[in-house]
Amino acid sequence: METLIAISIGLLIASGIYRLLGGSKIDIVVGLVLLSQGANLIILASGGLKQNAPALISKSSRDMADPLPQALVLTAIVIGFGILAFILTLLTRSSDS
């Protein structure tokens, strides 16, 4: 599972950098989105990946994933969506004038 996540992170970041260097405005926006999703996946993977972990906390909570990276990723997704909406608004306004 960890190797699949690592490959996904590498592909997201590599394709994001490739799209950032594309030149057009849409390529830059797509590149920023891919980079932010790669960074979110890095933060989420740093919290520990546990398969078949119990949903309820038992007395020995050693097998539980850390909830802090999950909260940070959720916040980063919301902030990334707001920035994406702002950038798309700037692009449409700059193309109108």
N, C-alpha and C. Protein backbone atom coordinates (compact mmCIF):
# COMPACT_ATOMS: atom_id res chain seq x y z
N MET A 1 0.82 -1.19 0.00
CA MET A 1 0.00 0.00 0.00
C MET A 1 0.86 1.26 0.00
N GLU A 2 1.95 1.22 0.76
CA GLU A 2 2.81 2.39 0.83
C GLU A 2 3.48 2.68 -0.50
N THR A 3 3.84 1.63 -1.24
CA THR A 3 4.48 1.86 -2.54
C THR A 3 3.49 2.45 -3.53
N LEU A 4 2.24 2.05 -3.47
CA LEU A 4 1.23 2.62 -4.36
C LEU A 4 1.02 4.10 -4.05
N ILE A 5 0.98 4.45 -2.78
CA ILE A 5 0.83 5.85 -2.38
C ILE A 5 2.06 6.65 -2.82
N ALA A 6 3.25 6.09 -2.65
CA ALA A 6 4.47 6.79 -3.05
C ALA A 6 4.52 7.01 -4.55
N ILE A 7 4.09 6.02 -5.32
CA ILE A 7 4.05 6.18 -6.78
C ILE A 7 3.02 7.24 -7.17
N SER A 8 1.88 7.25 -6.50
CA SER A 8 0.85 8.24 -6.78
C SER A 8 1.34 9.65 -6.46
N ILE A 9 2.04 9.79 -5.35
CA ILE A 9 2.59 11.11 -4.98
C ILE A 9 3.58 11.57 -6.03
N GLY A 10 4.47 10.68 -6.44
CA GLY A 10 5.46 11.02 -7.45
C GLY A 10 4.83 11.41 -8.77
N LEU A 11 3.81 10.67 -9.20
CA LEU A 11 3.14 10.99 -10.45
C LEU A 11 2.40 12.32 -10.38
N LEU A 12 1.74 12.58 -9.26
CA LEU A 12 1.03 13.86 -9.11
C LEU A 12 1.99 15.04 -9.14
N ILE A 13 3.08 14.94 -8.42
CA ILE A 13 4.02 16.06 -8.36
C ILE A 13 4.75 16.23 -9.70
N ALA A 14 5.14 15.12 -10.33
CA ALA A 14 5.84 15.21 -11.61
C ALA A 14 4.92 15.78 -12.69
N SER A 15 3.68 15.32 -12.74
CA SER A 15 2.77 15.86 -13.75
C SER A 15 2.38 17.30 -13.44
N GLY A 16 2.32 17.66 -12.16
CA GLY A 16 2.05 19.05 -11.80
C GLY A 16 3.17 19.98 -12.24
N ILE A 17 4.41 19.57 -12.04
CA ILE A 17 5.54 20.39 -12.48
C ILE A 17 5.58 20.48 -13.99
N TYR A 18 5.28 19.37 -14.67
CA TYR A 18 5.26 19.37 -16.13
C TYR A 18 4.21 20.33 -16.66
N ARG A 19 3.02 20.31 -16.03
CA ARG A 19 1.96 21.21 -16.48
C ARG A 19 2.26 22.67 -16.13
N LEU A 20 2.97 22.91 -15.02
CA LEU A 20 3.35 24.28 -14.67
C LEU A 20 4.29 24.87 -15.71
N LEU A 21 5.13 24.03 -16.28
CA LEU A 21 6.08 24.51 -17.28
C LEU A 21 5.48 24.54 -18.67
N GLY A 22 4.19 24.22 -18.80
CA GLY A 22 3.52 24.18 -20.10
C GLY A 22 3.42 25.54 -20.77
N GLY A 23 3.13 26.56 -20.03
CA GLY A 23 3.11 27.90 -20.59
C GLY A 23 1.75 28.55 -20.62
N SER A 24 0.69 27.83 -20.96
CA SER A 24 -0.62 28.47 -21.03
C SER A 24 -1.20 28.63 -19.62
N LYS A 25 -2.18 29.48 -19.53
CA LYS A 25 -2.76 29.77 -18.22
C LYS A 25 -3.50 28.57 -17.64
N ILE A 26 -4.18 27.84 -18.49
CA ILE A 26 -4.91 26.66 -18.01
C ILE A 26 -3.94 25.59 -17.54
N ASP A 27 -2.81 25.43 -18.24
CA ASP A 27 -1.80 24.46 -17.81
C ASP A 27 -1.25 24.81 -16.43
N ILE A 28 -1.07 26.09 -16.18
CA ILE A 28 -0.55 26.52 -14.88
C ILE A 28 -1.56 26.22 -13.77
N VAL A 29 -2.84 26.45 -14.05
CA VAL A 29 -3.88 26.17 -13.05
C VAL A 29 -3.95 24.67 -12.76
N VAL A 30 -3.94 23.86 -13.81
CA VAL A 30 -4.00 22.41 -13.63
C VAL A 30 -2.75 21.92 -12.89
N GLY A 31 -1.59 22.50 -13.21
CA GLY A 31 -0.35 22.14 -12.52
C GLY A 31 -0.40 22.47 -11.04
N LEU A 32 -0.95 23.62 -10.71
CA LEU A 32 -1.09 23.99 -9.29
C LEU A 32 -2.03 23.05 -8.55
N VAL A 33 -3.11 22.65 -9.20
CA VAL A 33 -4.04 21.72 -8.57
C VAL A 33 -3.37 20.37 -8.34
N LEU A 34 -2.63 19.88 -9.33
CA LEU A 34 -1.95 18.59 -9.18
C LEU A 34 -0.89 18.64 -8.09
N LEU A 35 -0.15 19.75 -8.03
CA LEU A 35 0.86 19.89 -6.97
C LEU A 35 0.22 19.94 -5.59
N SER A 36 -0.88 20.65 -5.47
CA SER A 36 -1.53 20.74 -4.15
C SER A 36 -2.09 19.38 -3.74
N GLN A 37 -2.63 18.62 -4.68
CA GLN A 37 -3.13 17.29 -4.33
C GLN A 37 -2.00 16.34 -3.96
N GLY A 38 -0.85 16.49 -4.62
CA GLY A 38 0.31 15.69 -4.24
C GLY A 38 0.80 16.02 -2.84
N ALA A 39 0.80 17.31 -2.51
CA ALA A 39 1.20 17.73 -1.17
C ALA A 39 0.21 17.23 -0.12
N ASN A 40 -1.08 17.25 -0.45
CA ASN A 40 -2.09 16.73 0.47
C ASN A 40 -1.89 15.24 0.71
N LEU A 41 -1.55 14.52 -0.34
CA LEU A 41 -1.33 13.08 -0.20
C LEU A 41 -0.09 12.79 0.64
N ILE A 42 0.93 13.64 0.53
CA ILE A 42 2.13 13.49 1.37
C ILE A 42 1.76 13.67 2.85
N ILE A 43 0.98 14.70 3.14
CA ILE A 43 0.59 14.96 4.53
C ILE A 43 -0.27 13.82 5.06
N LEU A 44 -1.19 13.33 4.23
CA LEU A 44 -2.06 12.24 4.67
C LEU A 44 -1.27 10.96 4.90
N ALA A 45 -0.30 10.68 4.05
CA ALA A 45 0.51 9.47 4.21
C ALA A 45 1.43 9.56 5.42
N SER A 46 1.77 10.78 5.84
CA SER A 46 2.65 10.91 7.00
C SER A 46 1.95 10.53 8.30
N GLY A 47 0.63 10.50 8.29
CA GLY A 47 -0.13 10.13 9.48
C GLY A 47 -0.16 8.64 9.74
N GLY A 48 0.32 7.86 8.81
CA GLY A 48 0.33 6.41 8.98
C GLY A 48 -0.84 5.76 8.28
N LEU A 49 -0.53 4.74 7.52
CA LEU A 49 -1.56 4.02 6.79
C LEU A 49 -1.82 2.69 7.49
N LYS A 50 -2.97 2.54 8.03
CA LYS A 50 -3.33 1.31 8.74
C LYS A 50 -4.48 0.65 8.01
N GLN A 51 -4.28 -0.59 7.59
CA GLN A 51 -5.37 -1.34 6.98
C GLN A 51 -6.08 -2.15 8.06
N ASN A 52 -7.38 -2.25 7.92
CA ASN A 52 -8.23 -3.01 8.84
C ASN A 52 -8.10 -2.52 10.28
N ALA A 53 -7.89 -1.22 10.45
CA ALA A 53 -7.83 -0.65 11.80
C ALA A 53 -9.25 -0.52 12.34
N PRO A 54 -9.44 -0.71 13.62
CA PRO A 54 -10.80 -0.61 14.17
C PRO A 54 -11.30 0.83 14.12
N ALA A 55 -12.59 0.97 13.90
CA ALA A 55 -13.18 2.31 13.80
C ALA A 55 -13.34 2.95 15.18
N LEU A 56 -13.52 2.14 16.19
CA LEU A 56 -13.69 2.65 17.55
C LEU A 56 -12.38 2.52 18.31
N ILE A 57 -12.13 3.46 19.18
CA ILE A 57 -10.89 3.45 19.96
C ILE A 57 -11.02 2.42 21.08
N SER A 58 -10.08 1.52 21.11
CA SER A 58 -10.07 0.53 22.18
C SER A 58 -9.07 0.98 23.25
N LYS A 59 -8.81 0.11 24.21
CA LYS A 59 -7.88 0.48 25.28
C LYS A 59 -6.46 0.62 24.76
N SER A 60 -6.07 -0.19 23.81
CA SER A 60 -4.73 -0.03 23.22
C SER A 60 -4.91 0.67 21.87
N SER A 61 -4.69 1.95 21.87
CA SER A 61 -4.89 2.73 20.64
C SER A 61 -3.60 2.86 19.85
N ARG A 62 -2.73 1.87 19.93
CA ARG A 62 -1.48 1.90 19.19
C ARG A 62 -1.71 1.71 17.69
N ASP A 63 -2.77 1.01 17.32
CA ASP A 63 -3.02 0.70 15.92
C ASP A 63 -3.80 1.77 15.19
N MET A 64 -4.14 2.84 15.86
CA MET A 64 -4.95 3.88 15.25
C MET A 64 -4.08 4.85 14.45
N ALA A 65 -4.63 5.38 13.39
CA ALA A 65 -3.94 6.39 12.59
C ALA A 65 -4.03 7.73 13.31
N ASP A 66 -3.06 8.58 13.06
CA ASP A 66 -3.03 9.90 13.68
C ASP A 66 -4.08 10.79 13.02
N PRO A 67 -5.02 11.39 13.76
CA PRO A 67 -6.06 12.19 13.13
C PRO A 67 -5.62 13.59 12.73
N LEU A 68 -4.48 14.07 13.24
CA LEU A 68 -4.05 15.43 12.92
C LEU A 68 -3.75 15.61 11.43
N PRO A 69 -3.00 14.72 10.77
CA PRO A 69 -2.79 14.90 9.33
C PRO A 69 -4.09 14.86 8.52
N GLN A 70 -5.05 14.08 8.98
CA GLN A 70 -6.33 14.04 8.28
C GLN A 70 -7.06 15.37 8.38
N ALA A 71 -7.00 15.99 9.54
CA ALA A 71 -7.62 17.31 9.71
C ALA A 71 -6.89 18.37 8.89
N LEU A 72 -5.56 18.28 8.85
CA LEU A 72 -4.78 19.23 8.06
C LEU A 72 -5.07 19.08 6.57
N VAL A 73 -5.21 17.86 6.10
CA VAL A 73 -5.50 17.64 4.68
C VAL A 73 -6.89 18.15 4.34
N LEU A 74 -7.85 17.94 5.21
CA LEU A 74 -9.19 18.46 4.97
C LEU A 74 -9.18 19.98 4.87
N THR A 75 -8.44 20.63 5.75
CA THR A 75 -8.31 22.09 5.69
C THR A 75 -7.59 22.52 4.43
N ALA A 76 -6.54 21.79 4.04
CA ALA A 76 -5.79 22.13 2.83
C ALA A 76 -6.63 21.95 1.57
N ILE A 77 -7.51 20.97 1.55
CA ILE A 77 -8.39 20.78 0.40
C ILE A 77 -9.35 21.96 0.25
N VAL A 78 -9.91 22.42 1.36
CA VAL A 78 -10.83 23.56 1.32
C VAL A 78 -10.09 24.82 0.88
N ILE A 79 -8.90 25.05 1.42
CA ILE A 79 -8.12 26.22 1.03
C ILE A 79 -7.72 26.13 -0.44
N GLY A 80 -7.32 24.94 -0.89
CA GLY A 80 -6.96 24.75 -2.29
C GLY A 80 -8.13 25.00 -3.23
N PHE A 81 -9.33 24.59 -2.82
CA PHE A 81 -10.51 24.84 -3.63
C PHE A 81 -10.80 26.34 -3.72
N GLY A 82 -10.64 27.05 -2.62
CA GLY A 82 -10.84 28.50 -2.64
C GLY A 82 -9.83 29.22 -3.52
N ILE A 83 -8.58 28.79 -3.45
CA ILE A 83 -7.54 29.40 -4.29
C ILE A 83 -7.80 29.09 -5.76
N LEU A 84 -8.24 27.87 -6.05
CA LEU A 84 -8.56 27.50 -7.43
C LEU A 84 -9.69 28.37 -7.98
N ALA A 85 -10.73 28.59 -7.18
CA ALA A 85 -11.84 29.44 -7.61
C ALA A 85 -11.36 30.87 -7.84
N PHE A 86 -10.48 31.36 -6.98
CA PHE A 86 -9.95 32.71 -7.13
C PHE A 86 -9.11 32.83 -8.40
N ILE A 87 -8.26 31.84 -8.67
CA ILE A 87 -7.41 31.89 -9.87
C ILE A 87 -8.25 31.80 -11.13
N LEU A 88 -9.27 30.94 -11.13
CA LEU A 88 -10.13 30.84 -12.30
C LEU A 88 -10.91 32.13 -12.53
N THR A 89 -11.33 32.80 -11.45
CA THR A 89 -11.99 34.09 -11.59
C THR A 89 -11.04 35.13 -12.17
N LEU A 90 -9.80 35.14 -11.69
CA LEU A 90 -8.82 36.07 -12.25
C LEU A 90 -8.57 35.80 -13.73
N LEU A 91 -8.52 34.54 -14.12
CA LEU A 91 -8.30 34.21 -15.53
C LEU A 91 -9.45 34.65 -16.41
N THR A 92 -10.68 34.45 -15.94
CA THR A 92 -11.82 34.87 -16.76
C THR A 92 -11.92 36.38 -16.83
N ARG A 93 -11.61 37.07 -15.74
CA ARG A 93 -11.65 38.53 -15.77
C ARG A 93 -10.53 39.11 -16.64
N SER A 94 -9.36 38.48 -16.62
CA SER A 94 -8.25 39.00 -17.43
C SER A 94 -8.47 38.73 -18.92
N SER A 95 -9.18 37.66 -19.25
CA SER A 95 -9.45 37.39 -20.66
C SER A 95 -10.57 38.27 -21.20
N ASP A 96 -11.45 38.77 -20.33
CA ASP A 96 -12.54 39.65 -20.76
C ASP A 96 -12.03 41.04 -21.11
N SER A 97 -11.03 41.51 -20.41
CA SER A 97 -10.56 42.89 -20.64
C SER A 97 -9.45 42.99 -21.63
